[in-house]
């Protein structure tokens, strides 16, 4: 499972919960971030975390797309993932 959170606090909370339950140590969950060197350390959900190779079987985006500028581009990237 790959976890991709758009907010730092939300990501930190999820990471804490995964760590507490042992999911990170066992490799059951991998945390992705939308800010990486590829995006110049700026928020970029396209370059930051989504693979564009069709490797993801499903993506859940719950109460999030309305908060992302140009969400249609992110939705397209999600389909490609």
C-alpha atoms as a PDB file:
ATOM      1  CA  UNK A   1       0.000   0.000   0.000  1.00  0.00           C
ATOM      2  CA  UNK A   2       1.310   3.450  -0.865  1.00  0.00           C
ATOM      3  CA  UNK A   3       0.065   6.373   1.210  1.00  0.00           C
ATOM      4  CA  UNK A   4       0.135   9.818  -0.397  1.00  0.00           C
ATOM      5  CA  UNK A   5      -0.992  12.745   1.743  1.00  0.00           C
ATOM      6  CA  UNK A   6      -1.132  16.338   0.557  1.00  0.00           C
ATOM      7  CA  UNK A   7      -0.844  18.037   3.952  1.00  0.00           C
ATOM      8  CA  UNK A   8       2.187  17.892   6.233  1.00  0.00           C
ATOM      9  CA  UNK A   9       0.172  17.509   9.438  1.00  0.00           C
ATOM     10  CA  UNK A  10      -2.138  14.899   7.951  1.00  0.00           C
ATOM     11  CA  UNK A  11       0.841  12.978   6.547  1.00  0.00           C
ATOM     12  CA  UNK A  12       2.661  13.153   9.881  1.00  0.00           C
ATOM     13  CA  UNK A  13      -0.392  11.859  11.751  1.00  0.00           C
ATOM     14  CA  UNK A  14      -0.848   8.977   9.314  1.00  0.00           C
ATOM     15  CA  UNK A  15       2.860   8.158   9.520  1.00  0.00           C
ATOM     16  CA  UNK A  16       2.632   8.100  13.330  1.00  0.00           C
ATOM     17  CA  UNK A  17      -0.354   5.723  13.206  1.00  0.00           C
ATOM     18  CA  UNK A  18       1.293   3.420  10.646  1.00  0.00           C
ATOM     19  CA  UNK A  19       4.495   3.372  12.709  1.00  0.00           C
ATOM     20  CA  UNK A  20       2.597   2.599  15.913  1.00  0.00           C
ATOM     21  CA  UNK A  21       0.824  -0.340  14.290  1.00  0.00           C
ATOM     22  CA  UNK A  22       4.012  -1.703  12.706  1.00  0.00           C
ATOM     23  CA  UNK A  23       2.905  -1.190   9.103  1.00  0.00           C
ATOM     24  CA  UNK A  24       6.005   0.795   8.106  1.00  0.00           C
ATOM     25  CA  UNK A  25       8.457  -1.634   9.680  1.00  0.00           C
ATOM     26  CA  UNK A  26       6.804  -4.614   7.985  1.00  0.00           C
ATOM     27  CA  UNK A  27       6.706  -2.908   4.597  1.00  0.00           C
ATOM     28  CA  UNK A  28       2.907  -3.046   4.370  1.00  0.00           C
ATOM     29  CA  UNK A  29       2.718   0.728   3.853  1.00  0.00           C
ATOM     30  CA  UNK A  30       5.054   3.068   1.979  1.00  0.00           C
ATOM     31  CA  UNK A  31       4.580   6.795   2.474  1.00  0.00           C
ATOM     32  CA  UNK A  32       4.898   9.059  -0.565  1.00  0.00           C
ATOM     33  CA  UNK A  33       5.062  12.844  -0.377  1.00  0.00           C
ATOM     34  CA  UNK A  34       4.047  15.511  -2.898  1.00  0.00           C
ATOM     35  CA  UNK A  35       7.263  17.455  -2.278  1.00  0.00           C
ATOM     36  CA  UNK A  36      10.494  15.927  -3.550  1.00  0.00           C
ATOM     37  CA  UNK A  37      13.712  17.003  -5.165  1.00  0.00           C
ATOM     38  CA  UNK A  38      12.067  16.368  -8.568  1.00  0.00           C
ATOM     39  CA  UNK A  39       9.492  19.071  -7.782  1.00  0.00           C
ATOM     40  CA  UNK A  40      12.072  21.512  -6.398  1.00  0.00           C
ATOM     41  CA  UNK A  41      10.756  20.730  -2.896  1.00  0.00           C
ATOM     42  CA  UNK A  42       7.485  22.493  -3.758  1.00  0.00           C
ATOM     43  CA  UNK A  43       4.025  20.933  -3.575  1.00  0.00           C
ATOM     44  CA  UNK A  44       3.560  19.045  -6.815  1.00  0.00           C
ATOM     45  CA  UNK A  45       1.353  15.951  -6.701  1.00  0.00           C
ATOM     46  CA  UNK A  46       2.334  15.029 -10.251  1.00  0.00           C
ATOM     47  CA  UNK A  47       6.148  15.052 -10.007  1.00  0.00           C
ATOM     48  CA  UNK A  48       6.188  14.453  -6.275  1.00  0.00           C
ATOM     49  CA  UNK A  49       4.727  11.057  -5.730  1.00  0.00           C
ATOM     50  CA  UNK A  50       2.526   9.488  -8.364  1.00  0.00           C
ATOM     51  CA  UNK A  51       4.164   6.882 -10.574  1.00  0.00           C
ATOM     52  CA  UNK A  52       3.053   7.356 -14.178  1.00  0.00           C
ATOM     53  CA  UNK A  53       3.521   3.733 -15.199  1.00  0.00           C
ATOM     54  CA  UNK A  54       0.117   2.191 -14.502  1.00  0.00           C
ATOM     55  CA  UNK A  55       1.474   0.279 -11.503  1.00  0.00           C
ATOM     56  CA  UNK A  56      -1.240   1.297  -9.028  1.00  0.00           C
ATOM     57  CA  UNK A  57      -4.313  -0.912  -8.962  1.00  0.00           C
ATOM     58  CA  UNK A  58      -6.557   1.573  -7.169  1.00  0.00           C
ATOM     59  CA  UNK A  59      -6.416   5.122  -5.818  1.00  0.00           C
ATOM     60  CA  UNK A  60      -8.711   6.474  -3.124  1.00  0.00           C
ATOM     61  CA  UNK A  61      -9.099  10.253  -3.111  1.00  0.00           C
ATOM     62  CA  UNK A  62     -11.552  11.092  -0.360  1.00  0.00           C
ATOM     63  CA  UNK A  63     -12.404  14.753   0.339  1.00  0.00           C
ATOM     64  CA  UNK A  64      -9.202  15.947  -1.310  1.00  0.00           C
ATOM     65  CA  UNK A  65      -9.548  16.863  -4.983  1.00  0.00           C
ATOM     66  CA  UNK A  66     -11.547  20.016  -4.295  1.00  0.00           C
ATOM     67  CA  UNK A  67      -8.563  21.375  -2.353  1.00  0.00           C
ATOM     68  CA  UNK A  68      -6.033  20.900  -5.159  1.00  0.00           C
ATOM     69  CA  UNK A  69      -5.545  23.655  -7.749  1.00  0.00           C
ATOM     70  CA  UNK A  70      -6.029  22.288 -11.278  1.00  0.00           C
ATOM     71  CA  UNK A  71      -7.447  19.067  -9.870  1.00  0.00           C
ATOM     72  CA  UNK A  72      -8.253  17.825 -13.376  1.00  0.00           C
ATOM     73  CA  UNK A  73      -4.515  17.472 -14.080  1.00  0.00           C
ATOM     74  CA  UNK A  74      -4.075  15.483 -10.875  1.00  0.00           C
ATOM     75  CA  UNK A  75      -7.061  13.290 -11.763  1.00  0.00           C
ATOM     76  CA  UNK A  76      -5.490  12.587 -15.159  1.00  0.00           C
ATOM     77  CA  UNK A  77      -2.210  11.641 -13.457  1.00  0.00           C
ATOM     78  CA  UNK A  78      -4.133   9.359 -11.104  1.00  0.00           C
ATOM     79  CA  UNK A  79      -5.665   7.565 -14.077  1.00  0.00           C
ATOM     80  CA  UNK A  80      -2.199   7.130 -15.613  1.00  0.00           C
ATOM     81  CA  UNK A  81      -0.902   5.738 -12.327  1.00  0.00           C
END
